[in-house]
Amino acid sequence: MTAKTTTPVRYALTLLAGAGTLAALAACSSTATAGTDSADETTAPSSAASEPATTSTEAATGDAAAGDSAYADGTYDAEGAYTSPGGNETVGVELTLEGGVVTAVTVTPQSENPTGEQYQERFASGISGEVVGMPLDELDVSVVSGSSLTSGGFNDAVETIKADAAA
């Protein structure tokens, strides 16, 4: 009779252990993918990020009177600052605006701390889906891909970009 009592318990524990293992593997899989994607996204645009900055200034001054937007069309770069448990951090942000709406975004991780860099890379890999297509005045990012502190630096950079892009 003892065997009948423990068999259902063993069965339930085996199911729970299997479900826990699957959940852990799924979490590891999505984290590794996010890190891999963000590394590709952050290395390629960083070399080209300095080039559009000069053309964005020209576009911003030339298109100021062309649209109804409070912001001039163009590509703008800014650096945002925030504080993490590892200390003060900065993150590079590049936004392209058309008619006051974000059409492209690039976040360049600048952390010297490995943990901070990991969070910034996660943020960089997920930010596009959060802000592209949104009006610049409506941007207020809180958490992207599990990174909540990097959003403070992003929002800081957005404020600088708003001032730079003001028509």
Foldseek 3Di string as FASTA:
>chain_A
DVCVVCVVVVVVVVVVVVVVVVVVVVVVVVLVVLLVQLVVQQPVVVVVVVVQQVVQLVQLVVQQPVAPAQFGFGKHKFKFWFADPVGIAIKIKIFGDDRQATADIAIHGDDPDVVSSSLSSSQRSFVCVVGHGHGLVPDQDADGNRRGGVSNRVVRRSVVVCVSGRD
